[in-house]
Amino acid sequence: MLIRRIEVFLRKTGLPWTKFGRLAVSDPRFVADLRNGRSPRPQTEQRVEHFMNTYQETTGAY
């Protein structure tokens, strides 16, 4: 489930959830919406996965 992967990512990187949403999908409420049951489109999910992978590669996080 995407929200679980995001929560792990946020814990490990220390990135605030609003900044994550802003950087990943240009929506600072994205994580809050997922926490409240929102289901992202497949394209959005791919975009978020790409962001997390790229963030890890460029910052050495994880």
PDB file of N, CA and C in Angstrom:
ATOM      1  N   MET A   1       0.843  -1.179   0.000  1.00  0.00           N
ATOM      2  CA  MET A   1       0.000   0.000   0.000  1.00  0.00           C
ATOM      3  C   MET A   1       0.892   1.246   0.000  1.00  0.00           C
ATOM      4  N   LEU A   2       0.564   2.199  -0.828  1.00  0.00           N
ATOM      5  CA  LEU A   2       1.391   3.389  -1.016  1.00  0.00           C
ATOM      6  C   LEU A   2       1.572   4.183   0.273  1.00  0.00           C
ATOM      7  N   ILE A   3       0.520   4.389   1.024  1.00  0.00           N
ATOM      8  CA  ILE A   3       0.641   5.219   2.228  1.00  0.00           C
ATOM      9  C   ILE A   3       1.631   4.610   3.214  1.00  0.00           C
ATOM     10  N   ARG A   4       1.685   3.306   3.308  1.00  0.00           N
ATOM     11  CA  ARG A   4       2.642   2.661   4.216  1.00  0.00           C
ATOM     12  C   ARG A   4       4.072   2.916   3.771  1.00  0.00           C
ATOM     13  N   ARG A   5       4.321   2.821   2.467  1.00  0.00           N
ATOM     14  CA  ARG A   5       5.668   3.084   1.944  1.00  0.00           C
ATOM     15  C   ARG A   5       6.051   4.548   2.167  1.00  0.00           C
ATOM     16  N   ILE A   6       5.084   5.433   2.011  1.00  0.00           N
ATOM     17  CA  ILE A   6       5.349   6.857   2.243  1.00  0.00           C
ATOM     18  C   ILE A   6       5.663   7.098   3.715  1.00  0.00           C
ATOM     19  N   GLU A   7       4.893   6.505   4.617  1.00  0.00           N
ATOM     20  CA  GLU A   7       5.123   6.698   6.056  1.00  0.00           C
ATOM     21  C   GLU A   7       6.523   6.222   6.453  1.00  0.00           C
ATOM     22  N   VAL A   8       6.955   5.081   5.921  1.00  0.00           N
ATOM     23  CA  VAL A   8       8.306   4.584   6.198  1.00  0.00           C
ATOM     24  C   VAL A   8       9.332   5.565   5.654  1.00  0.00           C
ATOM     25  N   PHE A   9       9.107   6.037   4.440  1.00  0.00           N
ATOM     26  CA  PHE A   9      10.005   6.995   3.805  1.00  0.00           C
ATOM     27  C   PHE A   9      10.118   8.265   4.661  1.00  0.00           C
ATOM     28  N   LEU A  10       8.993   8.779   5.122  1.00  0.00           N
ATOM     29  CA  LEU A  10       9.001  10.001   5.931  1.00  0.00           C
ATOM     30  C   LEU A  10       9.760   9.798   7.239  1.00  0.00           C
ATOM     31  N   ARG A  11       9.553   8.653   7.887  1.00  0.00           N
ATOM     32  CA  ARG A  11      10.263   8.364   9.132  1.00  0.00           C
ATOM     33  C   ARG A  11      11.773   8.296   8.922  1.00  0.00           C
ATOM     34  N   LYS A  12      12.165   7.624   7.850  1.00  0.00           N
ATOM     35  CA  LYS A  12      13.595   7.418   7.606  1.00  0.00           C
ATOM     36  C   LYS A  12      14.300   8.681   7.127  1.00  0.00           C
ATOM     37  N   THR A  13      13.606   9.520   6.380  1.00  0.00           N
ATOM     38  CA  THR A  13      14.242  10.717   5.841  1.00  0.00           C
ATOM     39  C   THR A  13      14.056  11.941   6.720  1.00  0.00           C
ATOM     40  N   GLY A  14      13.021  11.933   7.555  1.00  0.00           N
ATOM     41  CA  GLY A  14      12.726  13.099   8.372  1.00  0.00           C
ATOM     42  C   GLY A  14      12.061  14.225   7.591  1.00  0.00           C
ATOM     43  N   LEU A  15      11.648  13.942   6.378  1.00  0.00           N
ATOM     44  CA  LEU A  15      10.986  14.927   5.535  1.00  0.00           C
ATOM     45  C   LEU A  15       9.563  15.168   6.054  1.00  0.00           C
ATOM     46  N   PRO A  16       9.169  16.421   6.251  1.00  0.00           N
ATOM     47  CA  PRO A  16       7.789  16.695   6.684  1.00  0.00           C
ATOM     48  C   PRO A  16       6.788  16.253   5.612  1.00  0.00           C
ATOM     49  N   TRP A  17       5.625  15.785   6.041  1.00  0.00           N
ATOM     50  CA  TRP A  17       4.648  15.250   5.092  1.00  0.00           C
ATOM     51  C   TRP A  17       4.152  16.300   4.105  1.00  0.00           C
ATOM     52  N   THR A  18       4.060  17.552   4.538  1.00  0.00           N
ATOM     53  CA  THR A  18       3.600  18.599   3.621  1.00  0.00           C
ATOM     54  C   THR A  18       4.645  18.875   2.541  1.00  0.00           C
ATOM     55  N   LYS A  19       5.909  18.873   2.926  1.00  0.00           N
ATOM     56  CA  LYS A  19       6.978  19.095   1.950  1.00  0.00           C
ATOM     57  C   LYS A  19       7.062  17.921   0.980  1.00  0.00           C
ATOM     58  N   PHE A  20       6.881  16.718   1.498  1.00  0.00           N
ATOM     59  CA  PHE A  20       6.870  15.531   0.639  1.00  0.00           C
ATOM     60  C   PHE A  20       5.813  15.680  -0.448  1.00  0.00           C
ATOM     61  N   GLY A  21       4.601  16.010  -0.056  1.00  0.00           N
ATOM     62  CA  GLY A  21       3.515  16.163  -1.022  1.00  0.00           C
ATOM     63  C   GLY A  21       3.784  17.255  -2.033  1.00  0.00           C
ATOM     64  N   ARG A  22       4.353  18.355  -1.547  1.00  0.00           N
ATOM     65  CA  ARG A  22       4.660  19.476  -2.438  1.00  0.00           C
ATOM     66  C   ARG A  22       5.719  19.074  -3.467  1.00  0.00           C
ATOM     67  N   LEU A  23       6.763  18.392  -3.008  1.00  0.00           N
ATOM     68  CA  LEU A  23       7.842  17.998  -3.915  1.00  0.00           C
ATOM     69  C   LEU A  23       7.437  16.856  -4.852  1.00  0.00           C
ATOM     70  N   ALA A  24       6.698  15.897  -4.332  1.00  0.00           N
ATOM     71  CA  ALA A  24       6.363  14.703  -5.119  1.00  0.00           C
ATOM     72  C   ALA A  24       5.257  14.951  -6.134  1.00  0.00           C
ATOM     73  N   VAL A  25       4.201  15.648  -5.725  1.00  0.00           N
ATOM     74  CA  VAL A  25       3.035  15.801  -6.612  1.00  0.00           C
ATOM     75  C   VAL A  25       2.448  17.210  -6.616  1.00  0.00           C
ATOM     76  N   SER A  26       3.198  18.170  -6.091  1.00  0.00           N
ATOM     77  CA  SER A  26       2.749  19.571  -6.047  1.00  0.00           C
ATOM     78  C   SER A  26       1.451  19.740  -5.263  1.00  0.00           C
ATOM     79  N   ASP A  27       1.290  18.937  -4.216  1.00  0.00           N
ATOM     80  CA  ASP A  27       0.085  19.003  -3.387  1.00  0.00           C
ATOM     81  C   ASP A  27       0.479  18.781  -1.928  1.00  0.00           C
ATOM     82  N   PRO A  28       0.584  19.860  -1.153  1.00  0.00           N
ATOM     83  CA  PRO A  28       1.007  19.702   0.243  1.00  0.00           C
ATOM     84  C   PRO A  28       0.035  18.898   1.106  1.00  0.00           C
ATOM     85  N   ARG A  29      -1.192  18.699   0.655  1.00  0.00           N
ATOM     86  CA  ARG A  29      -2.181  17.926   1.412  1.00  0.00           C
ATOM     87  C   ARG A  29      -2.249  16.461   0.971  1.00  0.00           C
ATOM     88  N   PHE A  30      -1.404  16.067   0.043  1.00  0.00           N
ATOM     89  CA  PHE A  30      -1.455  14.725  -0.529  1.00  0.00           C
ATOM     90  C   PHE A  30      -1.387  13.631   0.531  1.00  0.00           C
ATOM     91  N   VAL A  31      -0.422  13.701   1.430  1.00  0.00           N
ATOM     92  CA  VAL A  31      -0.258  12.655   2.451  1.00  0.00           C
ATOM     93  C   VAL A  31      -1.462  12.651   3.401  1.00  0.00           C
ATOM     94  N   ALA A  32      -1.921  13.818   3.795  1.00  0.00           N
ATOM     95  CA  ALA A  32      -3.098  13.888   4.674  1.00  0.00           C
ATOM     96  C   ALA A  32      -4.306  13.262   3.987  1.00  0.00           C
ATOM     97  N   ASP A  33      -4.461  13.533   2.707  1.00  0.00           N
ATOM     98  CA  ASP A  33      -5.582  12.946   1.965  1.00  0.00           C
ATOM     99  C   ASP A  33      -5.466  11.425   1.898  1.00  0.00           C
ATOM    100  N   LEU A  34      -4.257  10.919   1.679  1.00  0.00           N
ATOM    101  CA  LEU A  34      -4.058   9.461   1.671  1.00  0.00           C
ATOM    102  C   LEU A  34      -4.387   8.875   3.038  1.00  0.00           C
ATOM    103  N   ARG A  35      -3.953   9.557   4.088  1.00  0.00           N
ATOM    104  CA  ARG A  35      -4.240   9.087   5.455  1.00  0.00           C
ATOM    105  C   ARG A  35      -5.740   9.034   5.709  1.00  0.00           C
ATOM    106  N   ASN A  36      -6.483   9.890   5.031  1.00  0.00           N
ATOM    107  CA  ASN A  36      -7.936   9.937   5.197  1.00  0.00           C
ATOM    108  C   ASN A  36      -8.681   9.083   4.177  1.00  0.00           C
ATOM    109  N   GLY A  37      -7.963   8.218   3.460  1.00  0.00           N
ATOM    110  CA  GLY A  37      -8.628   7.268   2.580  1.00  0.00           C
ATOM    111  C   GLY A  37      -8.582   7.552   1.098  1.00  0.00           C
ATOM    112  N   ARG A  38      -7.951   8.641   0.684  1.00  0.00           N
ATOM    113  CA  ARG A  38      -7.864   8.943  -0.747  1.00  0.00           C
ATOM    114  C   ARG A  38      -7.073   7.849  -1.463  1.00  0.00           C
ATOM    115  N   SER A  39      -7.528   7.474  -2.644  1.00  0.00           N
ATOM    116  CA  SER A  39      -6.818   6.509  -3.477  1.00  0.00           C
ATOM    117  C   SER A  39      -6.232   7.246  -4.674  1.00  0.00           C
ATOM    118  N   PRO A  40      -4.918   7.229  -4.820  1.00  0.00           N
ATOM    119  CA  PRO A  40      -4.314   7.948  -5.945  1.00  0.00           C
ATOM    120  C   PRO A  40      -4.487   7.192  -7.255  1.00  0.00           C
ATOM    121  N   ARG A  41      -4.455   7.939  -8.343  1.00  0.00           N
ATOM    122  CA  ARG A  41      -4.482   7.328  -9.668  1.00  0.00           C
ATOM    123  C   ARG A  41      -3.169   6.574  -9.886  1.00  0.00           C
ATOM    124  N   PRO A  42      -3.157   5.585 -10.753  1.00  0.00           N
ATOM    125  CA  PRO A  42      -1.921   4.832 -11.013  1.00  0.00           C
ATOM    126  C   PRO A  42      -0.752   5.726 -11.446  1.00  0.00           C
ATOM    127  N   GLN A  43      -1.040   6.758 -12.248  1.00  0.00           N
ATOM    128  CA  GLN A  43       0.015   7.665 -12.689  1.00  0.00           C
ATOM    129  C   GLN A  43       0.603   8.438 -11.511  1.00  0.00           C
ATOM    130  N   THR A  44      -0.245   8.826 -10.579  1.00  0.00           N
ATOM    131  CA  THR A  44       0.218   9.553  -9.403  1.00  0.00           C
ATOM    132  C   THR A  44       1.059   8.639  -8.526  1.00  0.00           C
ATOM    133  N   GLU A  45       0.629   7.414  -8.379  1.00  0.00           N
ATOM    134  CA  GLU A  45       1.387   6.454  -7.583  1.00  0.00           C
ATOM    135  C   GLU A  45       2.772   6.233  -8.190  1.00  0.00           C
ATOM    136  N   GLN A  46       2.851   6.118  -9.507  1.00  0.00           N
ATOM    137  CA  GLN A  46       4.145   5.965 -10.178  1.00  0.00           C
ATOM    138  C   GLN A  46       5.025   7.192  -9.964  1.00  0.00           C
ATOM    139  N   ARG A  47       4.418   8.354 -10.022  1.00  0.00           N
ATOM    140  CA  ARG A  47       5.150   9.612  -9.810  1.00  0.00           C
ATOM    141  C   ARG A  47       5.736   9.671  -8.408  1.00  0.00           C
ATOM    142  N   VAL A  48       4.953   9.251  -7.411  1.00  0.00           N
ATOM    143  CA  VAL A  48       5.407   9.244  -6.023  1.00  0.00           C
ATOM    144  C   VAL A  48       6.536   8.232  -5.837  1.00  0.00           C
ATOM    145  N   GLU A  49       6.375   7.047  -6.388  1.00  0.00           N
ATOM    146  CA  GLU A  49       7.430   6.028  -6.299  1.00  0.00           C
ATOM    147  C   GLU A  49       8.724   6.540  -6.931  1.00  0.00           C
ATOM    148  N   HIS A  50       8.597   7.170  -8.080  1.00  0.00           N
ATOM    149  CA  HIS A  50       9.764   7.729  -8.754  1.00  0.00           C
ATOM    150  C   HIS A  50      10.426   8.793  -7.875  1.00  0.00           C
ATOM    151  N   PHE A  51       9.624   9.663  -7.282  1.00  0.00           N
ATOM    152  CA  PHE A  51      10.170  10.696  -6.406  1.00  0.00           C
ATOM    153  C   PHE A  51      10.948  10.076  -5.246  1.00  0.00           C
ATOM    154  N   MET A  52      10.369   9.070  -4.589  1.00  0.00           N
ATOM    155  CA  MET A  52      11.046   8.457  -3.444  1.00  0.00           C
ATOM    156  C   MET A  52      12.354   7.795  -3.872  1.00  0.00           C
ATOM    157  N   ASN A  53      12.350   7.101  -5.005  1.00  0.00           N
ATOM    158  CA  ASN A  53      13.571   6.458  -5.491  1.00  0.00           C
ATOM    159  C   ASN A  53      14.632   7.489  -5.865  1.00  0.00           C
ATOM    160  N   THR A  54      14.223   8.544  -6.539  1.00  0.00           N
ATOM    161  CA  THR A  54      15.154   9.593  -6.945  1.00  0.00           C
ATOM    162  C   THR A  54      15.697  10.331  -5.724  1.00  0.00           C
ATOM    163  N   TYR A  55      14.845  10.602  -4.765  1.00  0.00           N
ATOM    164  CA  TYR A  55      15.264  11.298  -3.543  1.00  0.00           C
ATOM    165  C   TYR A  55      16.323  10.481  -2.818  1.00  0.00           C
ATOM    166  N   GLN A  56      16.127   9.191  -2.732  1.00  0.00           N
ATOM    167  CA  GLN A  56      17.079   8.316  -2.068  1.00  0.00           C
ATOM    168  C   GLN A  56      18.413   8.324  -2.798  1.00  0.00           C
ATOM    169  N   GLU A  57      18.378   8.294  -4.123  1.00  0.00           N
ATOM    170  CA  GLU A  57      19.607   8.259  -4.911  1.00  0.00           C
ATOM    171  C   GLU A  57      20.389   9.561  -4.799  1.00  0.00           C
ATOM    172  N   THR A  58      19.684  10.685  -4.812  1.00  0.00           N
ATOM    173  CA  THR A  58      20.377  11.979  -4.814  1.00  0.00           C
ATOM    174  C   THR A  58      20.818  12.423  -3.440  1.00  0.00           C
ATOM    175  N   THR A  59      20.131  11.975  -2.385  1.00  0.00           N
ATOM    176  CA  THR A  59      20.498  12.412  -1.040  1.00  0.00           C
ATOM    177  C   THR A  59      21.215  11.334  -0.236  1.00  0.00           C
ATOM    178  N   GLY A  60      21.169  10.113  -0.709  1.00  0.00           N
ATOM    179  CA  GLY A  60      21.775   9.017   0.045  1.00  0.00           C
ATOM    180  C   GLY A  60      20.942   8.595   1.234  1.00  0.00           C
ATOM    181  N   ALA A  61      19.694   9.048   1.287  1.00  0.00           N
ATOM    182  CA  ALA A  61      18.800   8.679   2.392  1.00  0.00           C
ATOM    183  C   ALA A  61      18.474   7.206   2.306  1.00  0.00           C
ATOM    184  N   TYR A  62      18.216   6.609   3.495  1.00  0.00           N
ATOM    185  CA  TYR A  62      17.895   5.195   3.654  1.00  0.00           C
ATOM    186  C   TYR A  62      19.183   4.484   3.894  1.00  0.00           C
TER     187      TYR A  62
END
